[in-house]
Amino acid sequence: MSLIMSYIGSKGCVISADKRRIAYFGDKSNREQLEEELYAGAIINDKELQARALDLGITLKISDDVCKVRSVGEVVVGEVSVKSPFETKRRRIYGTTNGYQIVELSGSDIAKMEKGEISIVVFGNKKTKEVANEIIKKRWENKTSLKGIADIFKEVMVEVAKVSPSISSENDIFIKHPKLDKREAQKLLRETILRDVKLLKKWREKLQNDLLEKAESIKMAANILTEGEIGRVVSIDEDMLEIILGKNVRAFDTRWKPVAGSGEKILMYSDKPNDVLVGDVAVIENENLCLKRNNSALRCDVILCKTE
């Protein structure tokens, strides 16, 4: 769980987030128990976290280089996310002078939205939010500058990291101060959100297509011929040989696009064309592409696969 703090005021906005991400590997119920203890404040430092994870048989991967906040024009954006095997749920805050909007996303679909004007918004678990709010209240003064607020947020990160290993003391901070009234702020936020969500949708579609292509490649790779007859030589032109593919043999390019099927022709090459005769059988033996008659080596620019 992240700690993201946002100040939205009439003179500008400030957003800050820690940089820690924790991945948990192991039994689901034990993972949930460890997370519950961590977020409730029962675990107070990295050493205790590692020890408790060991007790529960959980492997941790901790990264302290994750960027959870960003700047989009005159808008700042912070995001926390929860991933499951089937979908990713995101909670984002978009802020600018005189306005903010909180958006909850399921995948790339907007599930919930709320908006406001001047406020301090904190995303975090029970323990980190409790400590953060205490420090902010203690250090807050009327007419605190945007830089002063950024300094308070930095102090909060350091202090919260001392009592919860769920966040890092390292943090990213953005300050924006465009001159916008409340109506202009909400219009800008709305336009930014729609554009941002559209980009997320395109990214998810590309990712899904890439995964489908990889899955298809893995499936096709399982059918690559490593032994057996490929086809017969039907013509010879210097080092180029025309091969007619045999039964249950297909050829694909390197992007797994079909090139030729059984009974169709492909080109192969021989460094010793004088060793080749029309009617020779091209085979793969011991993972080597060659002529069956004399083991003379052959080359081709396609992937040869067996078919059912």
C-alpha atoms as a PDB file:
ATOM      1  CA  MET A   1       0.000   0.000   0.000  1.00  0.00           C
ATOM      2  CA  SER A   2       1.250   3.452  -0.894  1.00  0.00           C
ATOM      3  CA  LEU A   3       1.125   6.745   0.942  1.00  0.00           C
ATOM      4  CA  ILE A   4      -0.010   9.535  -1.371  1.00  0.00           C
ATOM      5  CA  MET A   5      -0.750  12.996   0.011  1.00  0.00           C
ATOM      6  CA  SER A   6      -2.404  15.757  -1.997  1.00  0.00           C
ATOM      7  CA  TYR A   7      -3.060  19.385  -1.116  1.00  0.00           C
ATOM      8  CA  ILE A   8      -5.498  21.253  -3.349  1.00  0.00           C
ATOM      9  CA  GLY A   9      -5.797  24.976  -2.674  1.00  0.00           C
ATOM     10  CA  SER A  10      -6.784  28.280  -4.250  1.00  0.00           C
ATOM     11  CA  LYS A  11      -3.156  29.118  -5.093  1.00  0.00           C
ATOM     12  CA  GLY A  12      -2.060  25.710  -6.397  1.00  0.00           C
ATOM     13  CA  CYS A  13      -1.613  22.068  -5.506  1.00  0.00           C
ATOM     14  CA  VAL A  14       1.050  19.745  -4.101  1.00  0.00           C
ATOM     15  CA  ILE A  15       1.226  15.963  -4.399  1.00  0.00           C
ATOM     16  CA  SER A  16       3.708  13.559  -2.819  1.00  0.00           C
ATOM     17  CA  ALA A  17       4.075   9.776  -2.828  1.00  0.00           C
ATOM     18  CA  ASP A  18       6.473   7.203  -1.462  1.00  0.00           C
ATOM     19  CA  LYS A  19       8.346   4.913  -3.880  1.00  0.00           C
ATOM     20  CA  ARG A  20       7.914   1.469  -2.302  1.00  0.00           C
ATOM     21  CA  ARG A  21       6.236  -1.551  -3.879  1.00  0.00           C
ATOM     22  CA  ILE A  22       5.986  -4.915  -2.110  1.00  0.00           C
ATOM     23  CA  ALA A  23       5.201  -8.126  -3.995  1.00  0.00           C
ATOM     24  CA  TYR A  24       4.122 -11.151  -1.945  1.00  0.00           C
ATOM     25  CA  PHE A  25       4.652 -14.765  -3.077  1.00  0.00           C
ATOM     26  CA  GLY A  26       3.248 -17.785  -1.259  1.00  0.00           C
ATOM     27  CA  ASP A  27       0.072 -19.200   0.230  1.00  0.00           C
ATOM     28  CA  LYS A  28      -2.877 -16.829  -0.331  1.00  0.00           C
ATOM     29  CA  SER A  29      -4.226 -16.940   3.233  1.00  0.00           C
ATOM     30  CA  ASN A  30      -0.745 -16.340   4.671  1.00  0.00           C
ATOM     31  CA  ARG A  31      -0.192 -13.443   2.264  1.00  0.00           C
ATOM     32  CA  GLU A  32      -3.448 -11.864   3.370  1.00  0.00           C
ATOM     33  CA  GLN A  33      -2.541 -12.340   7.030  1.00  0.00           C
ATOM     34  CA  LEU A  34       0.853 -10.688   6.537  1.00  0.00           C
ATOM     35  CA  GLU A  35      -0.691  -7.739   4.697  1.00  0.00           C
ATOM     36  CA  GLU A  36      -3.351  -7.325   7.378  1.00  0.00           C
ATOM     37  CA  GLU A  37      -0.722  -7.219  10.140  1.00  0.00           C
ATOM     38  CA  LEU A  38       1.435  -4.810   8.142  1.00  0.00           C
ATOM     39  CA  TYR A  39      -1.362  -2.378   7.321  1.00  0.00           C
ATOM     40  CA  ALA A  40      -2.740  -2.459  10.873  1.00  0.00           C
ATOM     41  CA  GLY A  41       0.626  -1.310  12.247  1.00  0.00           C
ATOM     42  CA  ALA A  42       1.613  -4.560  13.990  1.00  0.00           C
ATOM     43  CA  ILE A  43       4.890  -4.628  12.011  1.00  0.00           C
ATOM     44  CA  ILE A  44       7.029  -1.519  12.390  1.00  0.00           C
ATOM     45  CA  ASN A  45      10.240  -1.999  10.372  1.00  0.00           C
ATOM     46  CA  ASP A  46      11.828  -3.933   7.509  1.00  0.00           C
ATOM     47  CA  LYS A  47      13.536  -6.417   9.836  1.00  0.00           C
ATOM     48  CA  GLU A  48      10.242  -7.360  11.499  1.00  0.00           C
ATOM     49  CA  LEU A  49       8.554  -7.598   8.091  1.00  0.00           C
ATOM     50  CA  GLN A  50      11.170 -10.014   6.750  1.00  0.00           C
ATOM     51  CA  ALA A  51      11.032 -12.108   9.933  1.00  0.00           C
ATOM     52  CA  ARG A  52       7.236 -12.337   9.904  1.00  0.00           C
ATOM     53  CA  ALA A  53       7.246 -13.211   6.203  1.00  0.00           C
ATOM     54  CA  LEU A  54       9.691 -16.030   6.944  1.00  0.00           C
ATOM     55  CA  ASP A  55       7.414 -17.316   9.732  1.00  0.00           C
ATOM     56  CA  LEU A  56       4.484 -17.438   7.306  1.00  0.00           C
ATOM     57  CA  GLY A  57       6.469 -18.925   4.418  1.00  0.00           C
ATOM     58  CA  ILE A  58       6.046 -15.809   2.287  1.00  0.00           C
ATOM     59  CA  THR A  59       8.696 -14.519  -0.116  1.00  0.00           C
ATOM     60  CA  LEU A  60       8.904 -10.742  -0.512  1.00  0.00           C
ATOM     61  CA  LYS A  61      10.187  -8.601  -3.348  1.00  0.00           C
ATOM     62  CA  ILE A  62      10.611  -5.001  -2.202  1.00  0.00           C
ATOM     63  CA  SER A  63      11.319  -2.175  -4.666  1.00  0.00           C
ATOM     64  CA  ASP A  64      11.959   1.439  -3.667  1.00  0.00           C
ATOM     65  CA  ASP A  65      12.078   2.977  -7.139  1.00  0.00           C
ATOM     66  CA  VAL A  66       8.415   3.088  -8.141  1.00  0.00           C
ATOM     67  CA  CYS A  67       6.903   6.353  -9.416  1.00  0.00           C
ATOM     68  CA  LYS A  68       3.316   6.709  -8.162  1.00  0.00           C
ATOM     69  CA  VAL A  69       2.750  10.381  -8.977  1.00  0.00           C
ATOM     70  CA  ARG A  70       3.180  12.301 -12.200  1.00  0.00           C
ATOM     71  CA  SER A  71       2.504  15.601 -13.873  1.00  0.00           C
ATOM     72  CA  VAL A  72       0.170  15.951 -16.868  1.00  0.00           C
ATOM     73  CA  GLY A  73       0.284  19.545 -18.062  1.00  0.00           C
ATOM     74  CA  GLU A  74      -1.157  21.671 -15.235  1.00  0.00           C
ATOM     75  CA  VAL A  75      -2.555  18.619 -13.433  1.00  0.00           C
ATOM     76  CA  VAL A  76      -0.897  16.312 -10.892  1.00  0.00           C
ATOM     77  CA  VAL A  77      -1.887  12.647 -10.738  1.00  0.00           C
ATOM     78  CA  GLY A  78      -1.388  10.037  -8.021  1.00  0.00           C
ATOM     79  CA  GLU A  79      -2.328   6.375  -8.226  1.00  0.00           C
ATOM     80  CA  VAL A  80      -2.615   3.348  -5.971  1.00  0.00           C
ATOM     81  CA  SER A  81      -3.438  -0.023  -7.515  1.00  0.00           C
ATOM     82  CA  VAL A  82      -4.385  -3.540  -6.484  1.00  0.00           C
ATOM     83  CA  LYS A  83      -3.690  -6.381  -8.909  1.00  0.00           C
ATOM     84  CA  SER A  84      -5.471  -9.720  -9.053  1.00  0.00           C
ATOM     85  CA  PRO A  85      -5.169 -12.583 -11.555  1.00  0.00           C
ATOM     86  CA  PHE A  86      -8.200 -11.241 -13.424  1.00  0.00           C
ATOM     87  CA  GLU A  87      -8.070  -7.444 -13.236  1.00  0.00           C
ATOM     88  CA  THR A  88      -6.280  -4.403 -11.871  1.00  0.00           C
ATOM     89  CA  LYS A  89      -8.170  -1.914  -9.711  1.00  0.00           C
ATOM     90  CA  ARG A  90      -6.789   1.616  -9.642  1.00  0.00           C
ATOM     91  CA  ARG A  91      -7.621   4.598  -7.472  1.00  0.00           C
ATOM     92  CA  ARG A  92      -6.385   7.904  -8.829  1.00  0.00           C
ATOM     93  CA  ILE A  93      -6.480  11.501  -7.714  1.00  0.00           C
ATOM     94  CA  TYR A  94      -6.204  14.283 -10.283  1.00  0.00           C
ATOM     95  CA  GLY A  95      -5.511  17.713  -8.808  1.00  0.00           C
ATOM     96  CA  THR A  96      -4.930  21.290  -9.896  1.00  0.00           C
ATOM     97  CA  THR A  97      -5.583  24.778  -8.520  1.00  0.00           C
ATOM     98  CA  ASN A  98      -9.083  24.965  -6.989  1.00  0.00           C
ATOM     99  CA  GLY A  99     -10.137  21.410  -7.770  1.00  0.00           C
ATOM    100  CA  TYR A 100      -9.593  17.680  -7.660  1.00  0.00           C
ATOM    101  CA  GLN A 101     -11.296  14.504  -8.830  1.00  0.00           C
ATOM    102  CA  ILE A 102     -10.891  10.984  -7.451  1.00  0.00           C
ATOM    103  CA  VAL A 103     -11.427   8.209  -9.980  1.00  0.00           C
ATOM    104  CA  GLU A 104     -11.758   4.491  -9.302  1.00  0.00           C
ATOM    105  CA  LEU A 105     -10.961   2.271 -12.279  1.00  0.00           C
ATOM    106  CA  SER A 106     -11.604  -1.408 -12.879  1.00  0.00           C
ATOM    107  CA  GLY A 107      -9.296  -2.341 -15.715  1.00  0.00           C
ATOM    108  CA  SER A 108      -9.677   0.702 -17.968  1.00  0.00           C
ATOM    109  CA  ASP A 109     -13.337   1.353 -17.070  1.00  0.00           C
ATOM    110  CA  ILE A 110     -14.377   4.141 -14.689  1.00  0.00           C
ATOM    111  CA  ALA A 111     -16.260   2.544 -11.789  1.00  0.00           C
ATOM    112  CA  LYS A 112     -16.663   5.602  -9.542  1.00  0.00           C
ATOM    113  CA  MET A 113     -15.851   9.319  -9.495  1.00  0.00           C
ATOM    114  CA  GLU A 114     -16.011  12.068  -6.901  1.00  0.00           C
ATOM    115  CA  LYS A 115     -14.886  15.662  -7.061  1.00  0.00           C
ATOM    116  CA  GLY A 116     -14.054  18.497  -4.724  1.00  0.00           C
ATOM    117  CA  GLU A 117     -12.433  21.901  -4.477  1.00  0.00           C
ATOM    118  CA  ILE A 118     -10.046  22.812  -1.635  1.00  0.00           C
ATOM    119  CA  SER A 119      -8.875  19.889   0.476  1.00  0.00           C
ATOM    120  CA  ILE A 120      -6.107  17.617   1.721  1.00  0.00           C
ATOM    121  CA  VAL A 121      -6.546  14.052   0.463  1.00  0.00           C
ATOM    122  CA  VAL A 122      -4.507  11.131   1.791  1.00  0.00           C
ATOM    123  CA  PHE A 123      -4.370   7.641   0.253  1.00  0.00           C
ATOM    124  CA  GLY A 124      -2.863   4.973   2.488  1.00  0.00           C
ATOM    125  CA  ASN A 125      -3.514   2.144   4.902  1.00  0.00           C
ATOM    126  CA  LYS A 126      -4.988   2.655   8.360  1.00  0.00           C
ATOM    127  CA  LYS A 127      -1.630   3.095  10.110  1.00  0.00           C
ATOM    128  CA  THR A 128       0.045   5.376   7.566  1.00  0.00           C
ATOM    129  CA  LYS A 129      -3.013   7.625   7.211  1.00  0.00           C
ATOM    130  CA  GLU A 130      -3.321   7.931  10.984  1.00  0.00           C
ATOM    131  CA  VAL A 131       0.323   9.005  11.454  1.00  0.00           C
ATOM    132  CA  ALA A 132       0.275  11.263   8.379  1.00  0.00           C
ATOM    133  CA  ASN A 133      -2.845  13.123   9.514  1.00  0.00           C
ATOM    134  CA  GLU A 134      -1.405  13.645  13.017  1.00  0.00           C
ATOM    135  CA  ILE A 135       1.800  15.210  11.654  1.00  0.00           C
ATOM    136  CA  ILE A 136      -0.028  17.365   9.109  1.00  0.00           C
ATOM    137  CA  LYS A 137      -2.355  18.753  11.806  1.00  0.00           C
ATOM    138  CA  LYS A 138       0.579  19.446  14.130  1.00  0.00           C
ATOM    139  CA  ARG A 139       2.698  21.225  11.507  1.00  0.00           C
ATOM    140  CA  TRP A 140      -0.064  23.033   9.627  1.00  0.00           C
ATOM    141  CA  GLU A 141      -0.273  26.821   9.814  1.00  0.00           C
ATOM    142  CA  ASN A 142      -2.580  29.284   8.124  1.00  0.00           C
ATOM    143  CA  LYS A 143      -1.202  30.640   4.854  1.00  0.00           C
ATOM    144  CA  THR A 144       1.441  27.932   4.576  1.00  0.00           C
ATOM    145  CA  SER A 145       3.133  28.293   1.170  1.00  0.00           C
ATOM    146  CA  LEU A 146       3.107  25.528  -1.432  1.00  0.00           C
ATOM    147  CA  LYS A 147       6.809  24.955  -0.755  1.00  0.00           C
ATOM    148  CA  GLY A 148       6.065  24.802   2.962  1.00  0.00           C
ATOM    149  CA  ILE A 149       3.402  22.174   2.327  1.00  0.00           C
ATOM    150  CA  ALA A 150       5.895  20.174   0.240  1.00  0.00           C
ATOM    151  CA  ASP A 151       8.320  20.299   3.192  1.00  0.00           C
ATOM    152  CA  ILE A 152       5.594  19.020   5.538  1.00  0.00           C
ATOM    153  CA  PHE A 153       4.852  16.140   3.166  1.00  0.00           C
ATOM    154  CA  LYS A 154       8.571  15.253   3.064  1.00  0.00           C
ATOM    155  CA  GLU A 155       8.670  15.195   6.863  1.00  0.00           C
ATOM    156  CA  VAL A 156       5.565  13.003   6.956  1.00  0.00           C
ATOM    157  CA  MET A 157       7.188  10.449   4.648  1.00  0.00           C
ATOM    158  CA  VAL A 158      10.271  10.193   6.829  1.00  0.00           C
ATOM    159  CA  GLU A 159       8.281   9.841  10.056  1.00  0.00           C
ATOM    160  CA  VAL A 160       5.741   7.350   8.692  1.00  0.00           C
ATOM    161  CA  ALA A 161       8.527   5.182   7.240  1.00  0.00           C
ATOM    162  CA  LYS A 162       9.930   4.898  10.788  1.00  0.00           C
ATOM    163  CA  VAL A 163       6.774   3.154  12.028  1.00  0.00           C
ATOM    164  CA  SER A 164       5.611   1.263   8.938  1.00  0.00           C
ATOM    165  CA  PRO A 165       7.684  -0.687   6.392  1.00  0.00           C
ATOM    166  CA  SER A 166       4.739  -0.506   3.985  1.00  0.00           C
ATOM    167  CA  ILE A 167       6.240   2.724   2.578  1.00  0.00           C
ATOM    168  CA  SER A 168       9.682   4.158   1.860  1.00  0.00           C
ATOM    169  CA  SER A 169      11.056   7.447   3.135  1.00  0.00           C
ATOM    170  CA  GLU A 170      12.101   8.295  -0.429  1.00  0.00           C
ATOM    171  CA  ASN A 171       9.393  10.214  -2.245  1.00  0.00           C
ATOM    172  CA  ASP A 172       8.408  12.121  -5.359  1.00  0.00           C
ATOM    173  CA  ILE A 173       6.802  15.572  -5.138  1.00  0.00           C
ATOM    174  CA  PHE A 174       5.089  17.766  -7.735  1.00  0.00           C
ATOM    175  CA  ILE A 175       3.867  21.344  -7.286  1.00  0.00           C
ATOM    176  CA  LYS A 176       1.514  23.067  -9.736  1.00  0.00           C
ATOM    177  CA  HIS A 177       0.065  26.583  -9.511  1.00  0.00           C
ATOM    178  CA  PRO A 178      -1.885  27.526 -12.650  1.00  0.00           C
ATOM    179  CA  LYS A 179      -4.375  30.378 -12.335  1.00  0.00           C
ATOM    180  CA  LEU A 180      -7.754  28.652 -12.548  1.00  0.00           C
ATOM    181  CA  ASP A 181     -11.133  29.316 -11.016  1.00  0.00           C
ATOM    182  CA  LYS A 182     -13.250  26.411  -9.753  1.00  0.00           C
ATOM    183  CA  ARG A 183     -15.165  25.982 -13.006  1.00  0.00           C
ATOM    184  CA  GLU A 184     -12.004  26.045 -15.115  1.00  0.00           C
ATOM    185  CA  ALA A 185     -10.350  23.567 -12.745  1.00  0.00           C
ATOM    186  CA  GLN A 186     -13.110  20.983 -13.082  1.00  0.00           C
ATOM    187  CA  LYS A 187     -13.175  21.385 -16.869  1.00  0.00           C
ATOM    188  CA  LEU A 188      -9.411  20.833 -17.079  1.00  0.00           C
ATOM    189  CA  LEU A 189      -9.595  17.819 -14.751  1.00  0.00           C
ATOM    190  CA  ARG A 190     -12.443  16.262 -16.717  1.00  0.00           C
ATOM    191  CA  GLU A 191     -10.584  16.638 -20.022  1.00  0.00           C
ATOM    192  CA  THR A 192      -7.368  15.257 -18.522  1.00  0.00           C
ATOM    193  CA  ILE A 193      -9.130  12.235 -17.022  1.00  0.00           C
ATOM    194  CA  LEU A 194     -10.911  11.333 -20.260  1.00  0.00           C
ATOM    195  CA  ARG A 195      -7.663  11.602 -22.220  1.00  0.00           C
ATOM    196  CA  ASP A 196      -5.735   9.639 -19.579  1.00  0.00           C
ATOM    197  CA  VAL A 197      -8.301   6.830 -19.414  1.00  0.00           C
ATOM    198  CA  LYS A 198      -8.382   6.602 -23.205  1.00  0.00           C
ATOM    199  CA  LEU A 199      -4.588   6.165 -23.224  1.00  0.00           C
ATOM    200  CA  LEU A 200      -4.874   3.512 -20.503  1.00  0.00           C
ATOM    201  CA  LYS A 201      -7.450   1.637 -22.567  1.00  0.00           C
ATOM    202  CA  LYS A 202      -5.195   1.684 -25.634  1.00  0.00           C
ATOM    203  CA  TRP A 203      -2.243   0.496 -23.546  1.00  0.00           C
ATOM    204  CA  ARG A 204      -4.289  -2.359 -22.075  1.00  0.00           C
ATOM    205  CA  GLU A 205      -5.527  -3.388 -25.531  1.00  0.00           C
ATOM    206  CA  LYS A 206      -1.954  -3.427 -26.851  1.00  0.00           C
ATOM    207  CA  LEU A 207      -0.798  -5.418 -23.821  1.00  0.00           C
ATOM    208  CA  GLN A 208      -3.617  -7.920 -24.320  1.00  0.00           C
ATOM    209  CA  ASN A 209      -2.772  -8.297 -28.012  1.00  0.00           C
ATOM    210  CA  ASP A 210       0.910  -8.760 -27.182  1.00  0.00           C
ATOM    211  CA  LEU A 211       0.041 -11.456 -24.651  1.00  0.00           C
ATOM    212  CA  LEU A 212      -2.192 -13.224 -27.175  1.00  0.00           C
ATOM    213  CA  GLU A 213       0.590 -13.099 -29.759  1.00  0.00           C
ATOM    214  CA  LYS A 214       3.075 -14.499 -27.250  1.00  0.00           C
ATOM    215  CA  ALA A 215       0.664 -17.270 -26.298  1.00  0.00           C
ATOM    216  CA  GLU A 216       0.200 -18.134 -29.975  1.00  0.00           C
ATOM    217  CA  SER A 217       3.978 -18.088 -30.494  1.00  0.00           C
ATOM    218  CA  ILE A 218       4.456 -20.488 -27.583  1.00  0.00           C
ATOM    219  CA  LYS A 219       1.756 -22.746 -28.985  1.00  0.00           C
ATOM    220  CA  MET A 220       3.309 -22.687 -32.465  1.00  0.00           C
ATOM    221  CA  ALA A 221       6.842 -23.192 -31.125  1.00  0.00           C
ATOM    222  CA  ALA A 222       5.725 -26.516 -29.670  1.00  0.00           C
ATOM    223  CA  ASN A 223       5.093 -27.689 -33.254  1.00  0.00           C
ATOM    224  CA  ILE A 224       8.520 -26.829 -34.693  1.00  0.00           C
ATOM    225  CA  LEU A 225       9.973 -29.779 -36.571  1.00  0.00           C
ATOM    226  CA  THR A 226      13.125 -31.146 -34.977  1.00  0.00           C
ATOM    227  CA  GLU A 227      13.231 -34.497 -36.770  1.00  0.00           C
ATOM    228  CA  GLY A 228      11.731 -35.988 -39.938  1.00  0.00           C
ATOM    229  CA  GLU A 229      11.034 -35.436 -43.617  1.00  0.00           C
ATOM    230  CA  ILE A 230      10.419 -31.910 -44.919  1.00  0.00           C
ATOM    231  CA  GLY A 231       9.810 -32.345 -48.643  1.00  0.00           C
ATOM    232  CA  ARG A 232      11.401 -33.021 -52.038  1.00  0.00           C
ATOM    233  CA  VAL A 233      13.614 -30.970 -54.354  1.00  0.00           C
ATOM    234  CA  VAL A 234      11.662 -30.099 -57.522  1.00  0.00           C
ATOM    235  CA  SER A 235      14.055 -27.610 -59.149  1.00  0.00           C
ATOM    236  CA  ILE A 236      17.607 -26.292 -58.783  1.00  0.00           C
ATOM    237  CA  ASP A 237      18.850 -22.812 -59.769  1.00  0.00           C
ATOM    238  CA  GLU A 238      22.491 -22.426 -58.718  1.00  0.00           C
ATOM    239  CA  ASP A 239      22.363 -22.414 -54.887  1.00  0.00           C
ATOM    240  CA  MET A 240      18.557 -22.012 -54.720  1.00  0.00           C
ATOM    241  CA  LEU A 241      16.389 -25.087 -54.384  1.00  0.00           C
ATOM    242  CA  GLU A 242      12.625 -25.298 -54.742  1.00  0.00           C
ATOM    243  CA  ILE A 243      11.216 -27.712 -52.192  1.00  0.00           C
ATOM    244  CA  ILE A 244       7.655 -28.997 -52.279  1.00  0.00           C
ATOM    245  CA  LEU A 245       6.540 -29.537 -48.693  1.00  0.00           C
ATOM    246  CA  GLY A 246       5.528 -33.017 -47.623  1.00  0.00           C
ATOM    247  CA  LYS A 247       2.436 -34.202 -45.795  1.00  0.00           C
ATOM    248  CA  ASN A 248       1.677 -32.444 -42.490  1.00  0.00           C
ATOM    249  CA  VAL A 249       4.452 -29.855 -42.980  1.00  0.00           C
ATOM    250  CA  ARG A 250       3.902 -26.073 -42.969  1.00  0.00           C
ATOM    251  CA  ALA A 251       6.257 -23.106 -43.231  1.00  0.00           C
ATOM    252  CA  PHE A 252       5.951 -19.814 -41.295  1.00  0.00           C
ATOM    253  CA  ASP A 253       7.899 -16.569 -41.280  1.00  0.00           C
ATOM    254  CA  THR A 254       9.556 -15.279 -38.112  1.00  0.00           C
ATOM    255  CA  ARG A 255       6.321 -13.514 -37.092  1.00  0.00           C
ATOM    256  CA  TRP A 256       4.425 -16.801 -37.350  1.00  0.00           C
ATOM    257  CA  LYS A 257       2.599 -15.793 -40.515  1.00  0.00           C
ATOM    258  CA  PRO A 258       1.885 -18.786 -42.823  1.00  0.00           C
ATOM    259  CA  VAL A 259       4.171 -18.957 -45.871  1.00  0.00           C
ATOM    260  CA  ALA A 260       3.360 -22.364 -47.382  1.00  0.00           C
ATOM    261  CA  GLY A 261       1.449 -25.529 -46.555  1.00  0.00           C
ATOM    262  CA  SER A 262       1.674 -29.188 -47.486  1.00  0.00           C
ATOM    263  CA  GLY A 263       2.080 -29.578 -51.264  1.00  0.00           C
ATOM    264  CA  GLU A 264       3.269 -25.969 -51.691  1.00  0.00           C
ATOM    265  CA  LYS A 265       6.772 -24.729 -52.507  1.00  0.00           C
ATOM    266  CA  ILE A 266       9.414 -22.956 -50.438  1.00  0.00           C
ATOM    267  CA  LEU A 267      13.003 -21.938 -51.162  1.00  0.00           C
ATOM    268  CA  MET A 268      16.031 -23.520 -49.547  1.00  0.00           C
ATOM    269  CA  TYR A 269      19.710 -22.877 -50.161  1.00  0.00           C
ATOM    270  CA  SER A 270      22.739 -25.129 -50.521  1.00  0.00           C
ATOM    271  CA  ASP A 271      26.411 -24.168 -50.237  1.00  0.00           C
ATOM    272  CA  LYS A 272      27.183 -27.232 -52.389  1.00  0.00           C
ATOM    273  CA  PRO A 273      24.577 -27.230 -55.171  1.00  0.00           C
ATOM    274  CA  ASN A 274      26.516 -29.900 -57.087  1.00  0.00           C
ATOM    275  CA  ASP A 275      25.574 -32.330 -54.287  1.00  0.00           C
ATOM    276  CA  VAL A 276      21.850 -31.809 -54.957  1.00  0.00           C
ATOM    277  CA  LEU A 277      19.637 -33.733 -57.369  1.00  0.00           C
ATOM    278  CA  VAL A 278      16.011 -33.166 -58.329  1.00  0.00           C
ATOM    279  CA  GLY A 279      13.974 -35.613 -56.279  1.00  0.00           C
ATOM    280  CA  ASP A 280      16.283 -35.483 -53.263  1.00  0.00           C
ATOM    281  CA  VAL A 281      14.489 -35.534 -49.924  1.00  0.00           C
ATOM    282  CA  ALA A 282      15.095 -32.676 -47.482  1.00  0.00           C
ATOM    283  CA  VAL A 283      15.029 -33.825 -43.864  1.00  0.00           C
ATOM    284  CA  ILE A 284      15.871 -32.733 -40.347  1.00  0.00           C
ATOM    285  CA  GLU A 285      18.203 -35.213 -38.675  1.00  0.00           C
ATOM    286  CA  ASN A 286      19.766 -34.578 -35.272  1.00  0.00           C
ATOM    287  CA  GLU A 287      18.311 -31.041 -35.514  1.00  0.00           C
ATOM    288  CA  ASN A 288      20.254 -30.401 -38.760  1.00  0.00           C
ATOM    289  CA  LEU A 289      18.511 -29.459 -42.024  1.00  0.00           C
ATOM    290  CA  CYS A 290      20.079 -31.532 -44.798  1.00  0.00           C
ATOM    291  CA  LEU A 291      19.559 -33.927 -47.716  1.00  0.00           C
ATOM    292  CA  LYS A 292      18.631 -37.442 -46.688  1.00  0.00           C
ATOM    293  CA  ARG A 293      20.806 -38.993 -49.438  1.00  0.00           C
ATOM    294  CA  ASN A 294      24.168 -37.486 -48.498  1.00  0.00           C
ATOM    295  CA  ASN A 295      23.632 -35.258 -45.423  1.00  0.00           C
ATOM    296  CA  SER A 296      24.548 -32.174 -47.489  1.00  0.00           C
ATOM    297  CA  ALA A 297      23.587 -29.118 -45.410  1.00  0.00           C
ATOM    298  CA  LEU A 298      20.669 -26.890 -46.387  1.00  0.00           C
ATOM    299  CA  ARG A 299      19.478 -23.462 -45.244  1.00  0.00           C
ATOM    300  CA  CYS A 300      16.096 -21.726 -45.270  1.00  0.00           C
ATOM    301  CA  ASP A 301      14.497 -18.484 -44.053  1.00  0.00           C
ATOM    302  CA  VAL A 302      11.309 -20.022 -42.682  1.00  0.00           C
ATOM    303  CA  ILE A 303      10.201 -21.915 -39.590  1.00  0.00           C
ATOM    304  CA  LEU A 304       9.179 -25.474 -40.393  1.00  0.00           C
ATOM    305  CA  CYS A 305       6.385 -26.996 -38.331  1.00  0.00           C
ATOM    306  CA  LYS A 306       4.403 -30.199 -38.209  1.00  0.00           C
ATOM    307  CA  THR A 307       0.614 -30.111 -38.423  1.00  0.00           C
ATOM    308  CA  GLU A 308      -2.016 -32.521 -37.209  1.00  0.00           C
END
